[in-house]
Every structure is written in structure tokens, then in C-alpha cells.
Amino acid sequence: MDALDRVVKPKTKRAKRFLEKREPKLKENTKNAMLIKGGNANLTVTEVLKDIYAVKKPFAVLYKKKNITRPFEDQTSLEFFSKKSDCSLFLFGSHNKKRPNNLIIGRMFDYHVLDMIELGIEKFVSLKDVKNSKCPEGTKPMLIFAGDMFEVNEEYRRLKSLLIDFFRGPSVPSIRLAGLEYVLHFTAVDGKIYMRSYKVLLKKSGCKIPRIELEEMGPSLDLVMRRTHLASDDLYKLSLKQPKALKPKKKKNISHDVFGTTYGRIHMQKQDLGKLQTRKMKGLKKRPAEKSAEDGGVRPKKSKSA
């Protein structure tokens, strides 16, 4: 039996808190990412991993030592590190003659590799090469995807889902305008993926809504897709399954439209609208001619008494 698979009873309060933190929850913790350097990683790959770590902090773990492993051939070491550091996302960097400046981005399901996509770095501009101001650590980015390939091609569609998982950060209940200061833009065109990072600048516009400008911040990457390892449709569907407690209970006779407006349906007995009591107003009173018409004829005028 694997040392990590056996049931461990905590002996201290600290160990108990540690195990409780890793237990399955209805609302899972923010996904952490591990960034691993391969046995033959060069300077470019090392700098890319450092910059992605700076973008992902504090929800990331950077392994500084080199690890001799090939994820597409043997995934046991990745699964071991995932269990050890409690990370469900990973980015592995390596370099060799056949696949220079190589990145493998992937995610785990139940500590086993679910999806894995290999990307080649063709151009890289690091954070320190761009001399503009940077966003604070832990800033939640706004993700923008441009290009038909992200909607048409299955591999690109899965890559989009993977990138959203990797960079989305924590779920927040509310947003303030000043907190929207970091943009990650991904463009898929001509078989390449362009990743750009921008800082949002809110300028004076003379009205209530500020004028928005984007300032390049770094890192920026020109990537090309290489090998892919995608989960089967059944396994992918299983990984998306939510607990019943999280699903909203269906309420009878209530529906919503595409804009989020709530509509309710009320069931009532059939009513005779002719007997419906309305508000008494002088303008709604029937004239004598109308009353006589309803009675079936004109009433004889009363003779005036002398």
C-alpha cells in the first residue's frame, strides 16, 4: 500500500486541522497549481515558470529543483506531487532538441491526470522586461478569449476550459470597479495562441463612468499547440458532476427568462368578471339611457305635479 493512500489518524490538533482542510467539501477550496521544472529545463522555461508563479501567487507552489520525468509517458510522479502539495493544476516546463522550450499544462481529478496539453514557446517577454507598474499579488484577473478556434475545435475548447481553471482564482461574492485592474487576453489565430497581460488604467472622462486604457504589463507568450492528452467524455462528465446539496431546488410555477427575470404562475378558479366589484367613481356610473337600454325599453317620463 502507498504511504499516502493509508488512513492516517491525527495525533495533534494541527494534524487534525490539516486533514480537515483536505477533506471533500460541498464548496471546494480555490484550486492550487504546482509549477515543476523538468530535468533539462533551460533559462527561458525557468523564467516562464517564475513569471506564471508571480501571476498565480498565493495559489501556487513552485518547485525549484529539477525533476526528471516525462508526463506523457509516466504520470505517477505528477500524481505523487499533486497529492503531496494538494494541487489540482500543474504546469511542467522542459527543453530538448525534439521539443524546445516546452510547457505542459494540465489538471487533476481525484489526484489522477484528467487533461494535459503540450505547448511550445516561440516568443517570450518576461515581467521584468516590461518597465511598467505591476498589479498587486493575488489580483483576480479578467479572462478574455478571442478566436473562432476556441469554439470550433475540441482541443482548443478544452484548452480554453483548462486556462480558465488555471487562472480564474478564488470565487468572490461581489466586485468593485477599482478591483478590475488585471486582464489576461488569449487569442487563437493561424495555429498559434497569443497570451498577453494588461493592467487596467481608470482615467478621468468628465462623467461618472471612467475612461479605460490598457497598459501592457507582462508576461507575454506566443505559443503553439503540440501533443494533447484529453479525458474521455464519460470521465470529463464525471469530473463536472456536482453534489445534490449544491443544486438549487426546483420551485413549482416559477420560471426565468434569458435576462434573469423571474416569472410566477398563479392558479385561480374561473371568475365572472361581470360581477367584479370595481372602485366607485362618478365617471364610471351608468347614465339613465344606458340603464333603460339594459332593462329593454325607455321608461315613461314621470308627470310633473302641479
C-alpha atoms as a PDB file:
ATOM      1  CA  MET A   1       0.000   0.000   0.000  1.00  0.00           C
ATOM      2  CA  ASP A   2       1.218   3.506  -0.842  1.00  0.00           C
ATOM      3  CA  ALA A   3       2.211   5.647   2.150  1.00  0.00           C
ATOM      4  CA  LEU A   4      -0.128   8.432   1.012  1.00  0.00           C
ATOM      5  CA  ASP A   5      -3.108   6.082   0.493  1.00  0.00           C
ATOM      6  CA  ARG A   6      -3.314   4.623   4.006  1.00  0.00           C
ATOM      7  CA  VAL A   7      -5.730   6.083   6.570  1.00  0.00           C
ATOM      8  CA  VAL A   8      -3.830   8.342   8.967  1.00  0.00           C
ATOM      9  CA  LYS A   9      -5.305   9.237  12.365  1.00  0.00           C
ATOM     10  CA  PRO A  10      -4.144  12.670  13.553  1.00  0.00           C
ATOM     11  CA  LYS A  11      -2.199  12.776  16.807  1.00  0.00           C
ATOM     12  CA  THR A  12      -2.181  16.562  17.220  1.00  0.00           C
ATOM     13  CA  LYS A  13      -4.714  19.360  16.717  1.00  0.00           C
ATOM     14  CA  ARG A  14      -2.546  20.802  13.968  1.00  0.00           C
ATOM     15  CA  ALA A  15      -2.562  17.496  12.076  1.00  0.00           C
ATOM     16  CA  LYS A  16      -6.343  17.273  12.548  1.00  0.00           C
ATOM     17  CA  ARG A  17      -6.826  20.761  11.035  1.00  0.00           C
ATOM     18  CA  PHE A  18      -4.527  19.809   8.156  1.00  0.00           C
ATOM     19  CA  LEU A  19      -6.552  16.670   7.338  1.00  0.00           C
ATOM     20  CA  GLU A  20      -9.883  18.519   7.686  1.00  0.00           C
ATOM     21  CA  LYS A  21      -8.654  21.106   5.203  1.00  0.00           C
ATOM     22  CA  ARG A  22      -8.086  18.344   2.633  1.00  0.00           C
ATOM     23  CA  GLU A  23     -11.399  16.578   3.184  1.00  0.00           C
ATOM     24  CA  PRO A  24     -14.036  16.745   0.408  1.00  0.00           C
ATOM     25  CA  LYS A  25     -16.312  19.779   0.776  1.00  0.00           C
ATOM     26  CA  LEU A  26     -19.541  20.984  -0.799  1.00  0.00           C
ATOM     27  CA  LYS A  27     -17.753  24.177  -1.791  1.00  0.00           C
ATOM     28  CA  GLU A  28     -14.192  23.285  -2.678  1.00  0.00           C
ATOM     29  CA  ASN A  29     -11.173  25.428  -1.852  1.00  0.00           C
ATOM     30  CA  THR A  30      -9.553  27.594  -4.528  1.00  0.00           C
ATOM     31  CA  LYS A  31      -7.572  25.339  -6.865  1.00  0.00           C
ATOM     32  CA  ASN A  32      -3.810  25.449  -6.306  1.00  0.00           C
ATOM     33  CA  ALA A  33      -1.260  24.962  -9.081  1.00  0.00           C
ATOM     34  CA  MET A  34       2.166  23.355  -8.907  1.00  0.00           C
ATOM     35  CA  LEU A  35       4.904  24.560 -11.252  1.00  0.00           C
ATOM     36  CA  ILE A  36       7.542  21.901 -11.918  1.00  0.00           C
ATOM     37  CA  LYS A  37      10.850  22.228 -13.727  1.00  0.00           C
ATOM     38  CA  GLY A  38      11.985  19.289 -15.871  1.00  0.00           C
ATOM     39  CA  GLY A  39      15.425  17.697 -15.724  1.00  0.00           C
ATOM     40  CA  ASN A  40      16.721  19.668 -18.708  1.00  0.00           C
ATOM     41  CA  ALA A  41      14.858  22.989 -18.433  1.00  0.00           C
ATOM     42  CA  ASN A  42      16.688  25.956 -19.934  1.00  0.00           C
ATOM     43  CA  LEU A  43      16.702  29.630 -18.855  1.00  0.00           C
ATOM     44  CA  THR A  44      13.631  30.579 -20.952  1.00  0.00           C
ATOM     45  CA  VAL A  45      11.456  27.823 -19.451  1.00  0.00           C
ATOM     46  CA  THR A  46      12.683  28.680 -15.924  1.00  0.00           C
ATOM     47  CA  GLU A  47      11.789  32.363 -16.405  1.00  0.00           C
ATOM     48  CA  VAL A  48       8.321  31.456 -17.777  1.00  0.00           C
ATOM     49  CA  LEU A  49       7.612  29.300 -14.709  1.00  0.00           C
ATOM     50  CA  LYS A  50       8.760  32.110 -12.373  1.00  0.00           C
ATOM     51  CA  ASP A  51       6.511  34.662 -14.117  1.00  0.00           C
ATOM     52  CA  ILE A  52       3.458  32.372 -14.106  1.00  0.00           C
ATOM     53  CA  TYR A  53       4.138  31.733 -10.419  1.00  0.00           C
ATOM     54  CA  ALA A  54       4.178  35.511  -9.802  1.00  0.00           C
ATOM     55  CA  VAL A  55       0.802  35.799 -11.594  1.00  0.00           C
ATOM     56  CA  LYS A  56      -0.723  32.838  -9.689  1.00  0.00           C
ATOM     57  CA  LYS A  57       0.501  33.658  -6.167  1.00  0.00           C
ATOM     58  CA  PRO A  58      -0.627  32.853  -3.487  1.00  0.00           C
ATOM     59  CA  PHE A  59      -2.457  29.876  -5.065  1.00  0.00           C
ATOM     60  CA  ALA A  60       0.666  28.195  -6.464  1.00  0.00           C
ATOM     61  CA  VAL A  61       3.682  26.116  -5.447  1.00  0.00           C
ATOM     62  CA  LEU A  62       6.984  26.487  -7.347  1.00  0.00           C
ATOM     63  CA  TYR A  63       9.354  23.515  -7.243  1.00  0.00           C
ATOM     64  CA  LYS A  64      12.874  24.905  -7.685  1.00  0.00           C
ATOM     65  CA  LYS A  65      14.671  21.574  -8.016  1.00  0.00           C
ATOM     66  CA  LYS A  66      14.736  19.776 -11.366  1.00  0.00           C
ATOM     67  CA  ASN A  67      12.558  16.668 -11.682  1.00  0.00           C
ATOM     68  CA  ILE A  68      13.444  14.094 -14.310  1.00  0.00           C
ATOM     69  CA  THR A  69      10.051  12.935 -15.562  1.00  0.00           C
ATOM     70  CA  ARG A  70       8.084  12.726 -18.822  1.00  0.00           C
ATOM     71  CA  PRO A  71       4.385  13.395 -18.125  1.00  0.00           C
ATOM     72  CA  PHE A  72       3.121  11.947 -21.428  1.00  0.00           C
ATOM     73  CA  GLU A  73       4.919   8.658 -20.746  1.00  0.00           C
ATOM     74  CA  ASP A  74       4.712   8.335 -16.947  1.00  0.00           C
ATOM     75  CA  GLN A  75       2.306  10.347 -14.786  1.00  0.00           C
ATOM     76  CA  THR A  76       2.999   8.739 -11.394  1.00  0.00           C
ATOM     77  CA  SER A  77       5.427  11.452 -10.237  1.00  0.00           C
ATOM     78  CA  LEU A  78       2.929  14.216 -11.121  1.00  0.00           C
ATOM     79  CA  GLU A  79       0.194  12.393  -9.215  1.00  0.00           C
ATOM     80  CA  PHE A  80       2.551  11.983  -6.227  1.00  0.00           C
ATOM     81  CA  PHE A  81       3.386  15.713  -6.161  1.00  0.00           C
ATOM     82  CA  SER A  82      -0.313  16.554  -6.573  1.00  0.00           C
ATOM     83  CA  LYS A  83      -1.217  14.513  -3.505  1.00  0.00           C
ATOM     84  CA  LYS A  84       1.723  15.816  -1.508  1.00  0.00           C
ATOM     85  CA  SER A  85       1.063  19.526  -2.163  1.00  0.00           C
ATOM     86  CA  ASP A  86      -2.763  19.258  -2.551  1.00  0.00           C
ATOM     87  CA  CYS A  87      -2.677  20.812  -6.040  1.00  0.00           C
ATOM     88  CA  SER A  88      -5.206  20.015  -8.764  1.00  0.00           C
ATOM     89  CA  LEU A  89      -3.461  22.050 -11.509  1.00  0.00           C
ATOM     90  CA  PHE A  90       0.077  21.784 -12.844  1.00  0.00           C
ATOM     91  CA  LEU A  91       2.495  23.412 -15.277  1.00  0.00           C
ATOM     92  CA  PHE A  92       5.553  21.397 -16.285  1.00  0.00           C
ATOM     93  CA  GLY A  93       8.467  23.012 -18.174  1.00  0.00           C
ATOM     94  CA  SER A  94      11.169  21.199 -20.123  1.00  0.00           C
ATOM     95  CA  HIS A  95      13.559  21.660 -23.062  1.00  0.00           C
ATOM     96  CA  ASN A  96      15.148  19.239 -25.537  1.00  0.00           C
ATOM     97  CA  LYS A  97      16.188  19.116 -29.180  1.00  0.00           C
ATOM     98  CA  LYS A  98      12.954  17.489 -30.370  1.00  0.00           C
ATOM     99  CA  ARG A  99      10.631  19.789 -28.366  1.00  0.00           C
ATOM    100  CA  PRO A 100      12.445  23.021 -27.425  1.00  0.00           C
ATOM    101  CA  ASN A 101      11.003  25.438 -24.846  1.00  0.00           C
ATOM    102  CA  ASN A 102       8.209  23.081 -23.871  1.00  0.00           C
ATOM    103  CA  LEU A 103       5.302  23.632 -21.452  1.00  0.00           C
ATOM    104  CA  ILE A 104       2.722  21.059 -20.374  1.00  0.00           C
ATOM    105  CA  ILE A 105      -0.384  22.464 -18.693  1.00  0.00           C
ATOM    106  CA  GLY A 106      -2.869  20.102 -17.076  1.00  0.00           C
ATOM    107  CA  ARG A 107      -5.319  19.370 -14.286  1.00  0.00           C
ATOM    108  CA  MET A 108      -6.122  16.515 -11.924  1.00  0.00           C
ATOM    109  CA  PHE A 109      -9.303  14.740 -10.934  1.00  0.00           C
ATOM    110  CA  ASP A 110      -9.136  12.674  -7.746  1.00  0.00           C
ATOM    111  CA  TYR A 111      -5.309  13.022  -7.878  1.00  0.00           C
ATOM    112  CA  HIS A 112      -5.139  11.478 -11.361  1.00  0.00           C
ATOM    113  CA  VAL A 113      -4.328  13.341 -14.572  1.00  0.00           C
ATOM    114  CA  LEU A 114      -7.540  14.426 -16.320  1.00  0.00           C
ATOM    115  CA  ASP A 115      -6.408  16.738 -19.152  1.00  0.00           C
ATOM    116  CA  MET A 116      -2.934  17.591 -20.371  1.00  0.00           C
ATOM    117  CA  ILE A 117      -1.905  19.831 -23.294  1.00  0.00           C
ATOM    118  CA  GLU A 118       1.631  20.443 -24.536  1.00  0.00           C
ATOM    119  CA  LEU A 119       2.534  23.963 -25.717  1.00  0.00           C
ATOM    120  CA  GLY A 120       5.702  25.204 -27.381  1.00  0.00           C
ATOM    121  CA  ILE A 121       7.091  28.671 -26.553  1.00  0.00           C
ATOM    122  CA  GLU A 122       8.004  30.617 -29.695  1.00  0.00           C
ATOM    123  CA  LYS A 123       8.377  34.083 -28.142  1.00  0.00           C
ATOM    124  CA  PHE A 124       8.540  35.244 -24.533  1.00  0.00           C
ATOM    125  CA  VAL A 125       8.628  38.666 -22.864  1.00  0.00           C
ATOM    126  CA  SER A 126       9.054  38.462 -19.093  1.00  0.00           C
ATOM    127  CA  LEU A 127       7.609  40.647 -16.334  1.00  0.00           C
ATOM    128  CA  LYS A 128      10.944  42.357 -15.668  1.00  0.00           C
ATOM    129  CA  ASP A 129      11.438  43.238 -19.372  1.00  0.00           C
ATOM    130  CA  VAL A 130       8.291  45.446 -19.301  1.00  0.00           C
ATOM    131  CA  LYS A 131       9.105  48.521 -17.202  1.00  0.00           C
ATOM    132  CA  ASN A 132       5.504  49.486 -16.364  1.00  0.00           C
ATOM    133  CA  SER A 133       3.799  49.281 -12.977  1.00  0.00           C
ATOM    134  CA  LYS A 134       2.503  45.851 -11.905  1.00  0.00           C
ATOM    135  CA  CYS A 135      -0.679  44.614 -10.229  1.00  0.00           C
ATOM    136  CA  PRO A 136      -0.578  43.584  -6.539  1.00  0.00           C
ATOM    137  CA  GLU A 137      -0.097  39.917  -5.655  1.00  0.00           C
ATOM    138  CA  GLY A 138      -3.291  37.854  -5.657  1.00  0.00           C
ATOM    139  CA  THR A 139      -5.219  40.143  -8.031  1.00  0.00           C
ATOM    140  CA  LYS A 140      -8.051  38.214  -9.693  1.00  0.00           C
ATOM    141  CA  PRO A 141      -7.689  38.555 -13.494  1.00  0.00           C
ATOM    142  CA  MET A 142     -10.379  39.164 -16.105  1.00  0.00           C
ATOM    143  CA  LEU A 143     -10.029  36.487 -18.800  1.00  0.00           C
ATOM    144  CA  ILE A 144     -10.729  37.298 -22.458  1.00  0.00           C
ATOM    145  CA  PHE A 145     -10.651  34.703 -25.268  1.00  0.00           C
ATOM    146  CA  ALA A 146     -10.621  35.764 -28.916  1.00  0.00           C
ATOM    147  CA  GLY A 147     -10.713  33.497 -31.973  1.00  0.00           C
ATOM    148  CA  ASP A 148     -13.169  31.027 -33.510  1.00  0.00           C
ATOM    149  CA  MET A 149     -10.884  28.087 -32.739  1.00  0.00           C
ATOM    150  CA  PHE A 150     -11.814  28.268 -29.044  1.00  0.00           C
ATOM    151  CA  GLU A 151     -15.425  27.482 -30.052  1.00  0.00           C
ATOM    152  CA  VAL A 152     -14.991  25.221 -33.101  1.00  0.00           C
ATOM    153  CA  ASN A 153     -12.064  22.900 -32.339  1.00  0.00           C
ATOM    154  CA  GLU A 154     -12.453  20.385 -29.479  1.00  0.00           C
ATOM    155  CA  GLU A 155      -8.778  20.578 -28.435  1.00  0.00           C
ATOM    156  CA  TYR A 156      -8.856  24.382 -28.330  1.00  0.00           C
ATOM    157  CA  ARG A 157     -12.182  24.272 -26.471  1.00  0.00           C
ATOM    158  CA  ARG A 158     -10.626  22.016 -23.836  1.00  0.00           C
ATOM    159  CA  LEU A 159      -7.558  24.309 -23.703  1.00  0.00           C
ATOM    160  CA  LYS A 160      -9.844  27.285 -23.046  1.00  0.00           C
ATOM    161  CA  SER A 161     -11.519  25.390 -20.184  1.00  0.00           C
ATOM    162  CA  LEU A 162      -8.084  24.466 -18.823  1.00  0.00           C
ATOM    163  CA  LEU A 163      -6.802  28.067 -18.953  1.00  0.00           C
ATOM    164  CA  ILE A 164      -9.951  29.330 -17.193  1.00  0.00           C
ATOM    165  CA  ASP A 165      -9.411  26.732 -14.464  1.00  0.00           C
ATOM    166  CA  PHE A 166      -5.742  27.676 -14.154  1.00  0.00           C
ATOM    167  CA  PHE A 167      -6.039  31.468 -13.951  1.00  0.00           C
ATOM    168  CA  ARG A 168      -9.548  32.163 -12.596  1.00  0.00           C
ATOM    169  CA  GLY A 169      -8.518  32.466  -8.936  1.00  0.00           C
ATOM    170  CA  PRO A 170     -10.944  32.483  -5.984  1.00  0.00           C
ATOM    171  CA  SER A 171     -14.721  32.857  -6.304  1.00  0.00           C
ATOM    172  CA  VAL A 172     -15.879  36.219  -4.951  1.00  0.00           C
ATOM    173  CA  PRO A 173     -19.399  37.267  -3.864  1.00  0.00           C
ATOM    174  CA  SER A 174     -19.108  40.865  -5.124  1.00  0.00           C
ATOM    175  CA  ILE A 175     -16.895  43.040  -7.333  1.00  0.00           C
ATOM    176  CA  ARG A 176     -15.820  46.657  -7.026  1.00  0.00           C
ATOM    177  CA  LEU A 177     -14.764  48.733 -10.025  1.00  0.00           C
ATOM    178  CA  ALA A 178     -11.293  49.554  -8.672  1.00  0.00           C
ATOM    179  CA  GLY A 179     -10.591  45.814  -8.269  1.00  0.00           C
ATOM    180  CA  LEU A 180     -10.927  45.224 -12.030  1.00  0.00           C
ATOM    181  CA  GLU A 181      -7.308  46.076 -12.810  1.00  0.00           C
ATOM    182  CA  TYR A 182      -5.799  42.985 -14.433  1.00  0.00           C
ATOM    183  CA  VAL A 183      -6.610  41.467 -17.859  1.00  0.00           C
ATOM    184  CA  LEU A 184      -5.323  38.209 -19.365  1.00  0.00           C
ATOM    185  CA  HIS A 185      -6.040  38.051 -23.100  1.00  0.00           C
ATOM    186  CA  PHE A 186      -5.760  34.826 -25.141  1.00  0.00           C
ATOM    187  CA  THR A 187      -6.003  34.919 -28.943  1.00  0.00           C
ATOM    188  CA  ALA A 188      -6.083  31.813 -31.154  1.00  0.00           C
ATOM    189  CA  VAL A 189      -5.268  32.555 -34.808  1.00  0.00           C
ATOM    190  CA  ASP A 190      -3.273  30.802 -37.562  1.00  0.00           C
ATOM    191  CA  GLY A 191      -2.489  27.789 -35.370  1.00  0.00           C
ATOM    192  CA  LYS A 192      -0.933  29.886 -32.593  1.00  0.00           C
ATOM    193  CA  ILE A 193      -2.067  31.057 -29.157  1.00  0.00           C
ATOM    194  CA  TYR A 194      -1.062  34.548 -28.064  1.00  0.00           C
ATOM    195  CA  MET A 195      -1.148  35.306 -24.325  1.00  0.00           C
ATOM    196  CA  ARG A 196      -0.981  38.967 -23.295  1.00  0.00           C
ATOM    197  CA  SER A 197      -1.216  40.627 -19.860  1.00  0.00           C
ATOM    198  CA  TYR A 198      -2.540  44.133 -19.329  1.00  0.00           C
ATOM    199  CA  LYS A 199      -3.069  46.482 -16.405  1.00  0.00           C
ATOM    200  CA  VAL A 200      -6.349  48.422 -16.490  1.00  0.00           C
ATOM    201  CA  LEU A 201      -5.953  52.187 -16.006  1.00  0.00           C
ATOM    202  CA  LEU A 202      -9.058  54.166 -14.982  1.00  0.00           C
ATOM    203  CA  LYS A 203      -8.750  57.713 -16.366  1.00  0.00           C
ATOM    204  CA  LYS A 204     -10.940  60.780 -15.860  1.00  0.00           C
ATOM    205  CA  SER A 205     -13.625  61.091 -18.521  1.00  0.00           C
ATOM    206  CA  GLY A 206     -15.704  64.076 -17.372  1.00  0.00           C
ATOM    207  CA  CYS A 207     -18.633  61.830 -16.401  1.00  0.00           C
ATOM    208  CA  LYS A 208     -19.456  59.144 -13.837  1.00  0.00           C
ATOM    209  CA  ILE A 209     -18.048  56.269 -15.939  1.00  0.00           C
ATOM    210  CA  PRO A 210     -14.221  56.406 -16.174  1.00  0.00           C
ATOM    211  CA  ARG A 211     -12.271  56.144 -19.418  1.00  0.00           C
ATOM    212  CA  ILE A 212     -10.428  52.812 -19.611  1.00  0.00           C
ATOM    213  CA  GLU A 213      -6.925  52.302 -21.011  1.00  0.00           C
ATOM    214  CA  LEU A 214      -4.890  49.092 -21.161  1.00  0.00           C
ATOM    215  CA  GLU A 215      -1.161  49.132 -20.403  1.00  0.00           C
ATOM    216  CA  GLU A 216       0.954  46.065 -21.233  1.00  0.00           C
ATOM    217  CA  MET A 217       2.350  44.546 -18.083  1.00  0.00           C
ATOM    218  CA  GLY A 218       3.857  41.160 -18.976  1.00  0.00           C
ATOM    219  CA  PRO A 219       4.403  38.285 -19.202  1.00  0.00           C
ATOM    220  CA  SER A 220       3.510  37.768 -22.865  1.00  0.00           C
ATOM    221  CA  LEU A 221       3.831  34.436 -24.680  1.00  0.00           C
ATOM    222  CA  ASP A 222       3.484  33.226 -28.264  1.00  0.00           C
ATOM    223  CA  LEU A 223       2.545  29.544 -28.030  1.00  0.00           C
ATOM    224  CA  VAL A 224       1.901  26.688 -30.443  1.00  0.00           C
ATOM    225  CA  MET A 225      -0.042  23.534 -29.568  1.00  0.00           C
ATOM    226  CA  ARG A 226       1.834  20.235 -29.717  1.00  0.00           C
ATOM    227  CA  ARG A 227       0.629  16.994 -28.102  1.00  0.00           C
ATOM    228  CA  THR A 228      -2.629  16.538 -26.183  1.00  0.00           C
ATOM    229  CA  HIS A 229      -3.918  14.047 -23.628  1.00  0.00           C
ATOM    230  CA  LEU A 230      -7.666  14.630 -23.147  1.00  0.00           C
ATOM    231  CA  ALA A 231     -10.029  12.794 -20.831  1.00  0.00           C
ATOM    232  CA  SER A 232     -12.782  10.657 -22.334  1.00  0.00           C
ATOM    233  CA  ASP A 233     -16.272  12.184 -22.494  1.00  0.00           C
ATOM    234  CA  ASP A 234     -17.533   9.938 -19.661  1.00  0.00           C
ATOM    235  CA  LEU A 235     -14.647  10.803 -17.328  1.00  0.00           C
ATOM    236  CA  TYR A 236     -14.914  14.504 -18.199  1.00  0.00           C
ATOM    237  CA  LYS A 237     -18.661  14.428 -17.451  1.00  0.00           C
ATOM    238  CA  LEU A 238     -17.965  12.684 -14.133  1.00  0.00           C
ATOM    239  CA  SER A 239     -15.437  15.379 -13.156  1.00  0.00           C
ATOM    240  CA  LEU A 240     -18.094  18.072 -13.727  1.00  0.00           C
ATOM    241  CA  LYS A 241     -20.689  16.351 -11.537  1.00  0.00           C
ATOM    242  CA  GLN A 242     -21.913  18.455  -8.604  1.00  0.00           C
ATOM    243  CA  PRO A 243     -23.277  17.229  -5.257  1.00  0.00           C
ATOM    244  CA  LYS A 244     -27.065  17.215  -4.930  1.00  0.00           C
ATOM    245  CA  ALA A 245     -26.870  19.621  -1.982  1.00  0.00           C
ATOM    246  CA  LEU A 246     -25.374  22.311  -4.231  1.00  0.00           C
ATOM    247  CA  LYS A 247     -28.050  22.057  -6.897  1.00  0.00           C
ATOM    248  CA  PRO A 248     -30.840  24.636  -6.417  1.00  0.00           C
ATOM    249  CA  LYS A 249     -34.213  23.086  -5.545  1.00  0.00           C
ATOM    250  CA  LYS A 250     -36.729  23.436  -8.341  1.00  0.00           C
ATOM    251  CA  LYS A 251     -39.692  25.610  -7.344  1.00  0.00           C
ATOM    252  CA  LYS A 252     -43.080  24.928  -8.883  1.00  0.00           C
ATOM    253  CA  ASN A 253     -44.707  27.509 -11.195  1.00  0.00           C
ATOM    254  CA  ILE A 254     -41.594  29.748 -11.251  1.00  0.00           C
ATOM    255  CA  SER A 255     -39.573  30.320 -14.412  1.00  0.00           C
ATOM    256  CA  HIS A 256     -36.745  32.599 -15.536  1.00  0.00           C
ATOM    257  CA  ASP A 257     -36.020  34.166 -18.908  1.00  0.00           C
ATOM    258  CA  VAL A 258     -32.594  34.689 -20.528  1.00  0.00           C
ATOM    259  CA  PHE A 259     -32.208  38.055 -18.758  1.00  0.00           C
ATOM    260  CA  GLY A 260     -32.743  36.568 -15.301  1.00  0.00           C
ATOM    261  CA  THR A 261     -36.260  37.963 -14.792  1.00  0.00           C
ATOM    262  CA  THR A 262     -38.415  35.772 -12.529  1.00  0.00           C
ATOM    263  CA  TYR A 263     -41.947  34.883 -13.644  1.00  0.00           C
ATOM    264  CA  GLY A 264     -44.555  33.292 -11.363  1.00  0.00           C
ATOM    265  CA  ARG A 265     -47.720  31.426 -12.387  1.00  0.00           C
ATOM    266  CA  ILE A 266     -50.818  31.681 -10.150  1.00  0.00           C
ATOM    267  CA  HIS A 267     -53.651  29.136 -10.420  1.00  0.00           C
ATOM    268  CA  MET A 268     -57.138  30.571  -9.643  1.00  0.00           C
ATOM    269  CA  GLN A 269     -60.745  29.498 -10.096  1.00  0.00           C
ATOM    270  CA  LYS A 270     -62.702  30.898 -13.072  1.00  0.00           C
ATOM    271  CA  GLN A 271     -64.194  34.298 -12.218  1.00  0.00           C
ATOM    272  CA  ASP A 272     -67.271  36.107 -13.539  1.00  0.00           C
ATOM    273  CA  LEU A 273     -65.807  39.481 -14.420  1.00  0.00           C
ATOM    274  CA  GLY A 274     -69.311  40.975 -14.779  1.00  0.00           C
ATOM    275  CA  LYS A 275     -69.830  40.705 -11.023  1.00  0.00           C
ATOM    276  CA  LEU A 276     -66.387  42.054 -10.200  1.00  0.00           C
ATOM    277  CA  GLN A 277     -66.619  44.959  -7.750  1.00  0.00           C
ATOM    278  CA  THR A 278     -64.662  47.955  -9.017  1.00  0.00           C
ATOM    279  CA  ARG A 279     -63.885  51.238  -7.395  1.00  0.00           C
ATOM    280  CA  LYS A 280     -66.923  53.541  -7.334  1.00  0.00           C
ATOM    281  CA  MET A 281     -66.281  56.685  -9.371  1.00  0.00           C
ATOM    282  CA  LYS A 282     -68.655  59.265 -10.817  1.00  0.00           C
ATOM    283  CA  GLY A 283     -67.178  58.765 -14.265  1.00  0.00           C
ATOM    284  CA  LEU A 284     -67.981  55.037 -14.151  1.00  0.00           C
ATOM    285  CA  LYS A 285     -71.667  55.470 -13.182  1.00  0.00           C
ATOM    286  CA  LYS A 286     -74.183  54.415 -15.831  1.00  0.00           C
ATOM    287  CA  ARG A 287     -76.311  57.061 -17.429  1.00  0.00           C
ATOM    288  CA  PRO A 288     -80.168  56.754 -17.321  1.00  0.00           C
ATOM    289  CA  ALA A 289     -80.276  55.970 -21.060  1.00  0.00           C
ATOM    290  CA  GLU A 290     -77.830  53.077 -20.603  1.00  0.00           C
ATOM    291  CA  LYS A 291     -79.853  51.719 -17.686  1.00  0.00           C
ATOM    292  CA  SER A 292     -83.096  51.814 -19.670  1.00  0.00           C
ATOM    293  CA  ALA A 293     -81.442  50.120 -22.645  1.00  0.00           C
ATOM    294  CA  GLU A 294     -80.394  47.300 -20.341  1.00  0.00           C
ATOM    295  CA  ASP A 295     -83.956  46.988 -18.956  1.00  0.00           C
ATOM    296  CA  GLY A 296     -85.335  46.568 -22.502  1.00  0.00           C
ATOM    297  CA  GLY A 297     -87.010  49.877 -23.253  1.00  0.00           C
ATOM    298  CA  VAL A 298     -87.441  53.530 -22.456  1.00  0.00           C
ATOM    299  CA  ARG A 299     -89.170  54.227 -19.183  1.00  0.00           C
ATOM    300  CA  PRO A 300     -92.180  56.654 -19.293  1.00  0.00           C
ATOM    301  CA  LYS A 301     -91.412  60.096 -18.004  1.00  0.00           C
ATOM    302  CA  LYS A 302     -92.985  60.975 -14.728  1.00  0.00           C
ATOM    303  CA  SER A 303     -95.644  63.678 -14.979  1.00  0.00           C
ATOM    304  CA  LYS A 304     -94.879  66.793 -13.099  1.00  0.00           C
ATOM    305  CA  SER A 305     -97.353  67.522 -10.344  1.00  0.00           C
ATOM    306  CA  ALA A 306     -98.972  70.931 -10.224  1.00  0.00           C
END
